[in-house]
Amino acid sequence: MSRIGKKFKELQGKKEKALILYLTAGDPSLAGTEEIIPCLERAGADILEIGVPFSDPTADGPVIQEAAQRSLRGGTNLAAILAMIARLRRQIEIPVVLFTYYNPVFAYGNERFAEDAEAAGVDGLLVVDLPPEEAGELREFTDPRGLDFITLVAPTTDDRRLEKIVRNAGGFIYYISVTGVTGTKTPVAASVTPDLLRIRQRTDLPVAVGFGISTPAQVRSFAADADGVVIGSALVKWLAEHGGSPDLMSRLTVYVRGLKAATG
């Protein structure tokens, strides 16, 4: 069982839901990201999604797009991110999901990427623009190395498509609570309940909900029916606003603890 699977099982035993946090690697700097990640773990984050910056992030809203541009201007690339994760693995145990578009992986080389991601301590992959029908060329290398291949399900996903998506998914199912790009709409918890039930009828994997969730109150609402809640744009925006604070880590700890408290 992967670190991701073990984490969900541990949380289930404690009757808690997973707090899954996304941040863009290299925003404002890769050294800053490397300092922030252990703080997130200590503050109560259960799983981390580490975003690989890409020049054309079509699934992301303006907050994450701007973070990606800042990161790219700073010279962040996939090799540097994997090296950072490898260094962090000496001090962190938190499951790490690499959130990426396929282009950086393809340019890196599928086989080399799988080898280096496993060696660095990556636990799962979420390749936003790689549908199940086209994922085989990457998964032939990542699956044997135990990397969970996490897939997205949208409100527009019909039953036939859902069956295909969940059949070979790993780690957890990421349910997109609203249509559109990240961080641009406010989701309503009650509206996703039927889809969560529909997904659970077809898979035993945990189901996490993301896109547009930003406050402890929203976390509490979605955690009632989901196994995990993803906070992305809200955290990226918070870091952009507070990144220069001299007491950043203490303020970040308070912020994350407030979100985690809402998952219990």
C-alpha atoms as a PDB file:
ATOM      1  CA  MET A   1       0.000   0.000   0.000  1.00  0.00           C
ATOM      2  CA  SER A   2       1.306   3.417  -0.955  1.00  0.00           C
ATOM      3  CA  ARG A   3       1.811   6.305   1.440  1.00  0.00           C
ATOM      4  CA  ILE A   4      -1.400   7.797   0.050  1.00  0.00           C
ATOM      5  CA  GLY A   5      -3.420   4.667   0.792  1.00  0.00           C
ATOM      6  CA  LYS A   6      -1.922   4.381   4.265  1.00  0.00           C
ATOM      7  CA  LYS A   7      -2.773   8.011   5.023  1.00  0.00           C
ATOM      8  CA  PHE A   8      -6.427   7.606   4.081  1.00  0.00           C
ATOM      9  CA  LYS A   9      -6.639   4.398   6.127  1.00  0.00           C
ATOM     10  CA  GLU A  10      -5.061   6.139   9.122  1.00  0.00           C
ATOM     11  CA  LEU A  11      -7.490   9.051   8.849  1.00  0.00           C
ATOM     12  CA  GLN A  12     -10.442   6.705   8.519  1.00  0.00           C
ATOM     13  CA  GLY A  13      -9.420   5.072  11.792  1.00  0.00           C
ATOM     14  CA  LYS A  14      -9.388   8.504  13.445  1.00  0.00           C
ATOM     15  CA  LYS A  15     -12.690   9.498  11.797  1.00  0.00           C
ATOM     16  CA  GLU A  16     -10.980  12.393  10.051  1.00  0.00           C
ATOM     17  CA  LYS A  17     -10.944  13.532   6.458  1.00  0.00           C
ATOM     18  CA  ALA A  18      -7.813  14.394   4.495  1.00  0.00           C
ATOM     19  CA  LEU A  19      -6.660  17.976   4.132  1.00  0.00           C
ATOM     20  CA  ILE A  20      -4.928  18.041   0.745  1.00  0.00           C
ATOM     21  CA  LEU A  21      -2.967  21.205   0.014  1.00  0.00           C
ATOM     22  CA  TYR A  22      -1.697  22.383  -3.356  1.00  0.00           C
ATOM     23  CA  LEU A  23       1.184  24.784  -3.872  1.00  0.00           C
ATOM     24  CA  THR A  24       3.108  25.763  -6.979  1.00  0.00           C
ATOM     25  CA  ALA A  25       6.740  24.714  -6.702  1.00  0.00           C
ATOM     26  CA  GLY A  26       9.064  27.681  -7.105  1.00  0.00           C
ATOM     27  CA  ASP A  27       6.593  30.385  -6.109  1.00  0.00           C
ATOM     28  CA  PRO A  28       8.052  32.680  -4.933  1.00  0.00           C
ATOM     29  CA  SER A  29      11.245  30.595  -5.137  1.00  0.00           C
ATOM     30  CA  LEU A  30      12.170  26.931  -4.983  1.00  0.00           C
ATOM     31  CA  ALA A  31      14.097  27.547  -1.760  1.00  0.00           C
ATOM     32  CA  GLY A  32      10.975  29.149  -0.319  1.00  0.00           C
ATOM     33  CA  THR A  33       8.855  26.151  -1.325  1.00  0.00           C
ATOM     34  CA  GLU A  34      11.380  23.827   0.283  1.00  0.00           C
ATOM     35  CA  GLU A  35      11.068  25.749   3.529  1.00  0.00           C
ATOM     36  CA  ILE A  36       7.273  25.922   3.428  1.00  0.00           C
ATOM     37  CA  ILE A  37       6.554  22.211   2.838  1.00  0.00           C
ATOM     38  CA  PRO A  38       7.775  20.904   6.240  1.00  0.00           C
ATOM     39  CA  CYS A  39       5.747  23.681   7.877  1.00  0.00           C
ATOM     40  CA  LEU A  40       2.612  22.486   6.073  1.00  0.00           C
ATOM     41  CA  GLU A  41       3.183  18.946   7.315  1.00  0.00           C
ATOM     42  CA  ARG A  42       3.749  20.055  10.906  1.00  0.00           C
ATOM     43  CA  ALA A  43       0.643  22.237  10.785  1.00  0.00           C
ATOM     44  CA  GLY A  44      -1.571  19.289   9.894  1.00  0.00           C
ATOM     45  CA  ALA A  45      -1.695  18.865   6.115  1.00  0.00           C
ATOM     46  CA  ASP A  46      -2.301  15.206   5.234  1.00  0.00           C
ATOM     47  CA  ILE A  47      -1.301  15.112   1.559  1.00  0.00           C
ATOM     48  CA  LEU A  48       0.565  17.618  -0.597  1.00  0.00           C
ATOM     49  CA  GLU A  49       0.040  18.353  -4.259  1.00  0.00           C
ATOM     50  CA  ILE A  50       3.200  19.964  -5.602  1.00  0.00           C
ATOM     51  CA  GLY A  51       2.459  21.816  -8.812  1.00  0.00           C
ATOM     52  CA  VAL A  52       4.926  21.769 -11.684  1.00  0.00           C
ATOM     53  CA  PRO A  53       4.786  25.208 -13.375  1.00  0.00           C
ATOM     54  CA  PHE A  54       3.767  25.161 -17.025  1.00  0.00           C
ATOM     55  CA  SER A  55       3.475  27.977 -19.538  1.00  0.00           C
ATOM     56  CA  ASP A  56      -0.062  27.067 -20.642  1.00  0.00           C
ATOM     57  CA  PRO A  57      -1.942  25.753 -17.574  1.00  0.00           C
ATOM     58  CA  THR A  58      -5.362  25.435 -19.216  1.00  0.00           C
ATOM     59  CA  ALA A  59      -7.134  23.904 -16.190  1.00  0.00           C
ATOM     60  CA  ASP A  60      -5.950  26.575 -13.775  1.00  0.00           C
ATOM     61  CA  GLY A  61      -7.461  29.938 -12.964  1.00  0.00           C
ATOM     62  CA  PRO A  62      -5.625  33.258 -12.748  1.00  0.00           C
ATOM     63  CA  VAL A  63      -4.199  32.738  -9.254  1.00  0.00           C
ATOM     64  CA  ILE A  64      -2.326  29.552 -10.136  1.00  0.00           C
ATOM     65  CA  GLN A  65      -1.485  30.795 -13.640  1.00  0.00           C
ATOM     66  CA  GLU A  66       0.255  33.816 -12.140  1.00  0.00           C
ATOM     67  CA  ALA A  67       2.077  31.608  -9.631  1.00  0.00           C
ATOM     68  CA  ALA A  68       3.274  29.394 -12.485  1.00  0.00           C
ATOM     69  CA  GLN A  69       4.588  32.400 -14.383  1.00  0.00           C
ATOM     70  CA  ARG A  70       6.451  33.690 -11.326  1.00  0.00           C
ATOM     71  CA  SER A  71       7.949  30.244 -10.837  1.00  0.00           C
ATOM     72  CA  LEU A  72       9.029  29.881 -14.468  1.00  0.00           C
ATOM     73  CA  ARG A  73      10.624  33.318 -14.420  1.00  0.00           C
ATOM     74  CA  GLY A  74      12.654  32.095 -11.445  1.00  0.00           C
ATOM     75  CA  GLY A  75      13.971  29.171 -13.496  1.00  0.00           C
ATOM     76  CA  THR A  76      11.996  26.345 -11.841  1.00  0.00           C
ATOM     77  CA  ASN A  77      11.849  23.120 -13.823  1.00  0.00           C
ATOM     78  CA  LEU A  78      10.843  19.507 -13.290  1.00  0.00           C
ATOM     79  CA  ALA A  79      14.383  18.272 -12.562  1.00  0.00           C
ATOM     80  CA  ALA A  80      14.836  20.899  -9.852  1.00  0.00           C
ATOM     81  CA  ILE A  81      11.479  20.015  -8.297  1.00  0.00           C
ATOM     82  CA  LEU A  82      12.334  16.316  -8.137  1.00  0.00           C
ATOM     83  CA  ALA A  83      15.686  17.164  -6.557  1.00  0.00           C
ATOM     84  CA  MET A  84      13.873  19.302  -3.971  1.00  0.00           C
ATOM     85  CA  ILE A  85      11.475  16.475  -3.106  1.00  0.00           C
ATOM     86  CA  ALA A  86      14.419  14.088  -2.728  1.00  0.00           C
ATOM     87  CA  ARG A  87      16.049  16.469  -0.235  1.00  0.00           C
ATOM     88  CA  LEU A  88      12.796  16.939   1.651  1.00  0.00           C
ATOM     89  CA  ARG A  89      12.262  13.197   1.995  1.00  0.00           C
ATOM     90  CA  ARG A  90      15.021  13.201   4.618  1.00  0.00           C
ATOM     91  CA  GLN A  91      12.695  15.107   6.939  1.00  0.00           C
ATOM     92  CA  ILE A  92       9.085  14.650   5.798  1.00  0.00           C
ATOM     93  CA  GLU A  93       6.735  11.641   5.676  1.00  0.00           C
ATOM     94  CA  ILE A  94       3.717  13.329   4.111  1.00  0.00           C
ATOM     95  CA  PRO A  95       2.442  11.758   0.867  1.00  0.00           C
ATOM     96  CA  VAL A  96       3.417  13.838  -2.156  1.00  0.00           C
ATOM     97  CA  VAL A  97       1.426  14.057  -5.379  1.00  0.00           C
ATOM     98  CA  LEU A  98       3.098  15.694  -8.369  1.00  0.00           C
ATOM     99  CA  PHE A  99       0.476  17.855 -10.084  1.00  0.00           C
ATOM    100  CA  THR A 100       1.546  18.500 -13.657  1.00  0.00           C
ATOM    101  CA  TYR A 101       0.662  18.830 -17.298  1.00  0.00           C
ATOM    102  CA  TYR A 102       2.013  16.193 -19.635  1.00  0.00           C
ATOM    103  CA  ASN A 103       4.338  18.411 -21.646  1.00  0.00           C
ATOM    104  CA  PRO A 104       7.033  18.792 -18.924  1.00  0.00           C
ATOM    105  CA  VAL A 105       6.951  15.028 -18.306  1.00  0.00           C
ATOM    106  CA  PHE A 106       7.135  14.163 -22.013  1.00  0.00           C
ATOM    107  CA  ALA A 107      10.048  16.554 -22.495  1.00  0.00           C
ATOM    108  CA  TYR A 108      11.809  14.997 -19.499  1.00  0.00           C
ATOM    109  CA  GLY A 109      11.262  11.491 -20.883  1.00  0.00           C
ATOM    110  CA  ASN A 110       8.628   9.091 -19.548  1.00  0.00           C
ATOM    111  CA  GLU A 111      10.970   6.333 -18.403  1.00  0.00           C
ATOM    112  CA  ARG A 112      13.508   8.715 -16.877  1.00  0.00           C
ATOM    113  CA  PHE A 113      10.705  10.616 -15.174  1.00  0.00           C
ATOM    114  CA  ALA A 114       9.264   7.455 -13.609  1.00  0.00           C
ATOM    115  CA  GLU A 115      12.677   6.407 -12.318  1.00  0.00           C
ATOM    116  CA  ASP A 116      13.526   9.838 -10.912  1.00  0.00           C
ATOM    117  CA  ALA A 117      10.079  10.426  -9.386  1.00  0.00           C
ATOM    118  CA  GLU A 118      10.218   7.115  -7.533  1.00  0.00           C
ATOM    119  CA  ALA A 119      13.778   7.776  -6.381  1.00  0.00           C
ATOM    120  CA  ALA A 120      12.804  11.247  -5.144  1.00  0.00           C
ATOM    121  CA  GLY A 121       9.951   9.914  -3.032  1.00  0.00           C
ATOM    122  CA  VAL A 122       6.949  10.985  -5.110  1.00  0.00           C
ATOM    123  CA  ASP A 123       3.860   8.927  -4.224  1.00  0.00           C
ATOM    124  CA  GLY A 124       1.319   9.885  -6.857  1.00  0.00           C
ATOM    125  CA  LEU A 125       0.794  11.723 -10.122  1.00  0.00           C
ATOM    126  CA  LEU A 126      -2.011  13.928 -11.320  1.00  0.00           C
ATOM    127  CA  VAL A 127      -1.403  14.690 -14.988  1.00  0.00           C
ATOM    128  CA  VAL A 128      -4.198  17.126 -15.684  1.00  0.00           C
ATOM    129  CA  ASP A 129      -4.323  16.912 -19.477  1.00  0.00           C
ATOM    130  CA  LEU A 130      -3.622  13.204 -19.927  1.00  0.00           C
ATOM    131  CA  PRO A 131      -6.923  11.304 -20.295  1.00  0.00           C
ATOM    132  CA  PRO A 132      -7.128   7.582 -19.479  1.00  0.00           C
ATOM    133  CA  GLU A 133      -7.104   6.652 -23.175  1.00  0.00           C
ATOM    134  CA  GLU A 134      -3.698   8.261 -23.645  1.00  0.00           C
ATOM    135  CA  ALA A 135      -2.097   7.550 -20.270  1.00  0.00           C
ATOM    136  CA  GLY A 136      -0.687   4.150 -21.189  1.00  0.00           C
ATOM    137  CA  GLU A 137       2.519   5.542 -22.653  1.00  0.00           C
ATOM    138  CA  LEU A 138       3.373   7.064 -19.267  1.00  0.00           C
ATOM    139  CA  ARG A 139       1.794   4.478 -16.992  1.00  0.00           C
ATOM    140  CA  GLU A 140       3.794   1.629 -18.515  1.00  0.00           C
ATOM    141  CA  PHE A 141       6.714   3.171 -16.624  1.00  0.00           C
ATOM    142  CA  THR A 142       5.042   4.737 -13.577  1.00  0.00           C
ATOM    143  CA  ASP A 143       2.728   1.881 -12.551  1.00  0.00           C
ATOM    144  CA  PRO A 144       5.517  -0.684 -12.013  1.00  0.00           C
ATOM    145  CA  ARG A 145       7.257   1.858  -9.769  1.00  0.00           C
ATOM    146  CA  GLY A 146       4.255   2.140  -7.464  1.00  0.00           C
ATOM    147  CA  LEU A 147       3.270   5.683  -8.399  1.00  0.00           C
ATOM    148  CA  ASP A 148      -0.472   6.156  -7.870  1.00  0.00           C
ATOM    149  CA  PHE A 149      -2.101   7.565 -10.998  1.00  0.00           C
ATOM    150  CA  ILE A 150      -4.802   9.925  -9.749  1.00  0.00           C
ATOM    151  CA  THR A 151      -7.647  10.840 -12.070  1.00  0.00           C
ATOM    152  CA  LEU A 152     -10.149  13.688 -12.304  1.00  0.00           C
ATOM    153  CA  VAL A 153     -13.921  13.333 -12.394  1.00  0.00           C
ATOM    154  CA  ALA A 154     -16.088  16.327 -13.305  1.00  0.00           C
ATOM    155  CA  PRO A 155     -19.791  17.099 -12.792  1.00  0.00           C
ATOM    156  CA  THR A 156     -20.186  16.565 -16.538  1.00  0.00           C
ATOM    157  CA  THR A 157     -18.721  13.026 -16.438  1.00  0.00           C
ATOM    158  CA  ASP A 158     -21.440  10.557 -17.442  1.00  0.00           C
ATOM    159  CA  ASP A 159     -21.739   7.035 -16.037  1.00  0.00           C
ATOM    160  CA  ARG A 160     -20.069   5.319 -18.980  1.00  0.00           C
ATOM    161  CA  ARG A 161     -17.103   7.673 -18.829  1.00  0.00           C
ATOM    162  CA  LEU A 162     -16.939   7.374 -15.053  1.00  0.00           C
ATOM    163  CA  GLU A 163     -16.672   3.590 -15.261  1.00  0.00           C
ATOM    164  CA  LYS A 164     -13.702   3.949 -17.596  1.00  0.00           C
ATOM    165  CA  ILE A 165     -11.964   6.575 -15.448  1.00  0.00           C
ATOM    166  CA  VAL A 166     -12.176   4.749 -12.123  1.00  0.00           C
ATOM    167  CA  ARG A 167     -11.312   1.323 -13.521  1.00  0.00           C
ATOM    168  CA  ASN A 168      -7.558   1.946 -13.467  1.00  0.00           C
ATOM    169  CA  ALA A 169      -7.301   4.904 -11.103  1.00  0.00           C
ATOM    170  CA  GLY A 170      -4.987   4.891  -8.083  1.00  0.00           C
ATOM    171  CA  GLY A 171      -4.524   6.770  -4.828  1.00  0.00           C
ATOM    172  CA  PHE A 172      -7.811   8.642  -4.760  1.00  0.00           C
ATOM    173  CA  ILE A 173     -10.392  10.081  -7.108  1.00  0.00           C
ATOM    174  CA  TYR A 174     -10.211  13.851  -7.472  1.00  0.00           C
ATOM    175  CA  TYR A 175     -13.726  15.192  -7.958  1.00  0.00           C
ATOM    176  CA  ILE A 176     -13.910  18.667  -9.511  1.00  0.00           C
ATOM    177  CA  SER A 177     -16.712  20.412  -7.626  1.00  0.00           C
ATOM    178  CA  VAL A 178     -17.443  22.958 -10.371  1.00  0.00           C
ATOM    179  CA  THR A 179     -16.942  23.167 -14.105  1.00  0.00           C
ATOM    180  CA  GLY A 180     -14.323  25.580 -15.398  1.00  0.00           C
ATOM    181  CA  VAL A 181     -10.856  26.449 -14.144  1.00  0.00           C
ATOM    182  CA  THR A 182      -9.537  26.428 -10.594  1.00  0.00           C
ATOM    183  CA  GLY A 183     -10.388  29.086  -8.055  1.00  0.00           C
ATOM    184  CA  THR A 184     -12.972  31.020 -10.098  1.00  0.00           C
ATOM    185  CA  LYS A 185     -16.309  29.737  -8.756  1.00  0.00           C
ATOM    186  CA  THR A 186     -17.710  29.014  -5.302  1.00  0.00           C
ATOM    187  CA  PRO A 187     -18.939  25.407  -5.047  1.00  0.00           C
ATOM    188  CA  VAL A 188     -21.963  24.270  -3.042  1.00  0.00           C
ATOM    189  CA  ALA A 189     -21.499  21.136  -0.935  1.00  0.00           C
ATOM    190  CA  ALA A 190     -25.032  19.825  -1.347  1.00  0.00           C
ATOM    191  CA  SER A 191     -24.725  19.905  -5.129  1.00  0.00           C
ATOM    192  CA  VAL A 192     -21.828  17.422  -5.188  1.00  0.00           C
ATOM    193  CA  THR A 193     -23.365  14.781  -2.908  1.00  0.00           C
ATOM    194  CA  PRO A 194     -25.171  12.861  -5.688  1.00  0.00           C
ATOM    195  CA  ASP A 195     -21.961  12.630  -7.719  1.00  0.00           C
ATOM    196  CA  LEU A 196     -19.948  11.464  -4.710  1.00  0.00           C
ATOM    197  CA  LEU A 197     -22.479   8.676  -4.184  1.00  0.00           C
ATOM    198  CA  ARG A 198     -22.313   7.829  -7.892  1.00  0.00           C
ATOM    199  CA  ILE A 199     -18.519   7.556  -7.744  1.00  0.00           C
ATOM    200  CA  ARG A 200     -18.578   5.441  -4.596  1.00  0.00           C
ATOM    201  CA  GLN A 201     -20.895   2.959  -6.263  1.00  0.00           C
ATOM    202  CA  ARG A 202     -18.113   2.278  -8.760  1.00  0.00           C
ATOM    203  CA  THR A 203     -14.879   2.338  -6.746  1.00  0.00           C
ATOM    204  CA  ASP A 204     -13.497   1.709  -3.272  1.00  0.00           C
ATOM    205  CA  LEU A 205     -10.907   4.455  -3.688  1.00  0.00           C
ATOM    206  CA  PRO A 206     -11.229   7.529  -1.464  1.00  0.00           C
ATOM    207  CA  VAL A 207     -12.857  10.550  -3.088  1.00  0.00           C
ATOM    208  CA  ALA A 208     -11.464  14.059  -2.571  1.00  0.00           C
ATOM    209  CA  VAL A 209     -13.223  17.242  -3.634  1.00  0.00           C
ATOM    210  CA  GLY A 210     -11.456  20.324  -4.952  1.00  0.00           C
ATOM    211  CA  PHE A 211     -11.758  23.515  -7.057  1.00  0.00           C
ATOM    212  CA  GLY A 212     -13.002  26.675  -5.357  1.00  0.00           C
ATOM    213  CA  ILE A 213     -12.876  25.533  -1.720  1.00  0.00           C
ATOM    214  CA  SER A 214     -11.170  28.160   0.422  1.00  0.00           C
ATOM    215  CA  THR A 215     -12.540  28.549   3.957  1.00  0.00           C
ATOM    216  CA  PRO A 216     -12.787  26.306   7.040  1.00  0.00           C
ATOM    217  CA  ALA A 217     -16.578  26.496   6.764  1.00  0.00           C
ATOM    218  CA  GLN A 218     -16.433  25.186   3.202  1.00  0.00           C
ATOM    219  CA  VAL A 219     -13.961  22.478   4.215  1.00  0.00           C
ATOM    220  CA  ARG A 220     -16.367  21.360   6.940  1.00  0.00           C
ATOM    221  CA  SER A 221     -19.299  21.230   4.512  1.00  0.00           C
ATOM    222  CA  PHE A 222     -17.499  19.184   1.872  1.00  0.00           C
ATOM    223  CA  ALA A 223     -15.736  16.925   4.361  1.00  0.00           C
ATOM    224  CA  ALA A 224     -19.132  15.700   5.562  1.00  0.00           C
ATOM    225  CA  ASP A 225     -19.501  13.555   2.422  1.00  0.00           C
ATOM    226  CA  ALA A 226     -16.007  13.393   0.891  1.00  0.00           C
ATOM    227  CA  ASP A 227     -12.904  11.555   2.107  1.00  0.00           C
ATOM    228  CA  GLY A 228     -10.701  14.583   1.529  1.00  0.00           C
ATOM    229  CA  VAL A 229     -10.816  18.245   0.619  1.00  0.00           C
ATOM    230  CA  VAL A 230      -8.322  19.988  -1.668  1.00  0.00           C
ATOM    231  CA  ILE A 231      -7.289  23.601  -1.086  1.00  0.00           C
ATOM    232  CA  GLY A 232      -5.342  25.039  -4.009  1.00  0.00           C
ATOM    233  CA  SER A 233      -5.916  28.555  -5.261  1.00  0.00           C
ATOM    234  CA  ALA A 234      -6.740  29.818  -1.767  1.00  0.00           C
ATOM    235  CA  LEU A 235      -3.384  28.661  -0.388  1.00  0.00           C
ATOM    236  CA  VAL A 236      -1.453  29.946  -3.412  1.00  0.00           C
ATOM    237  CA  LYS A 237      -3.156  33.329  -3.012  1.00  0.00           C
ATOM    238  CA  TRP A 238      -2.475  33.348   0.747  1.00  0.00           C
ATOM    239  CA  LEU A 239       1.214  32.641   0.165  1.00  0.00           C
ATOM    240  CA  ALA A 240       1.424  35.395  -2.458  1.00  0.00           C
ATOM    241  CA  GLU A 241      -0.096  37.877  -0.028  1.00  0.00           C
ATOM    242  CA  HIS A 242       1.892  36.852   3.060  1.00  0.00           C
ATOM    243  CA  GLY A 243       5.116  35.490   1.554  1.00  0.00           C
ATOM    244  CA  GLY A 244       7.155  38.490   2.645  1.00  0.00           C
ATOM    245  CA  SER A 245       5.994  38.377   6.254  1.00  0.00           C
ATOM    246  CA  PRO A 246       8.825  37.996   8.791  1.00  0.00           C
ATOM    247  CA  ASP A 247       6.645  35.596  10.789  1.00  0.00           C
ATOM    248  CA  LEU A 248       5.431  33.669   7.732  1.00  0.00           C
ATOM    249  CA  MET A 249       5.828  30.197   9.221  1.00  0.00           C
ATOM    250  CA  SER A 250       3.899  30.950  12.400  1.00  0.00           C
ATOM    251  CA  ARG A 251       1.112  32.631  10.428  1.00  0.00           C
ATOM    252  CA  LEU A 252       1.039  29.763   7.930  1.00  0.00           C
ATOM    253  CA  THR A 253       0.784  27.277  10.792  1.00  0.00           C
ATOM    254  CA  VAL A 254      -2.264  29.058  12.199  1.00  0.00           C
ATOM    255  CA  TYR A 255      -3.869  29.218   8.747  1.00  0.00           C
ATOM    256  CA  VAL A 256      -3.384  25.505   7.997  1.00  0.00           C
ATOM    257  CA  ARG A 257      -4.433  24.390  11.470  1.00  0.00           C
ATOM    258  CA  GLY A 258      -7.716  26.236  10.973  1.00  0.00           C
ATOM    259  CA  LEU A 259      -8.348  24.326   7.776  1.00  0.00           C
ATOM    260  CA  LYS A 260      -7.354  20.971   9.280  1.00  0.00           C
ATOM    261  CA  ALA A 261      -9.599  21.480  12.316  1.00  0.00           C
ATOM    262  CA  ALA A 262     -12.546  21.646   9.941  1.00  0.00           C
ATOM    263  CA  THR A 263     -11.907  18.122   8.611  1.00  0.00           C
ATOM    264  CA  GLY A 264     -12.487  16.320  11.923  1.00  0.00           C
END
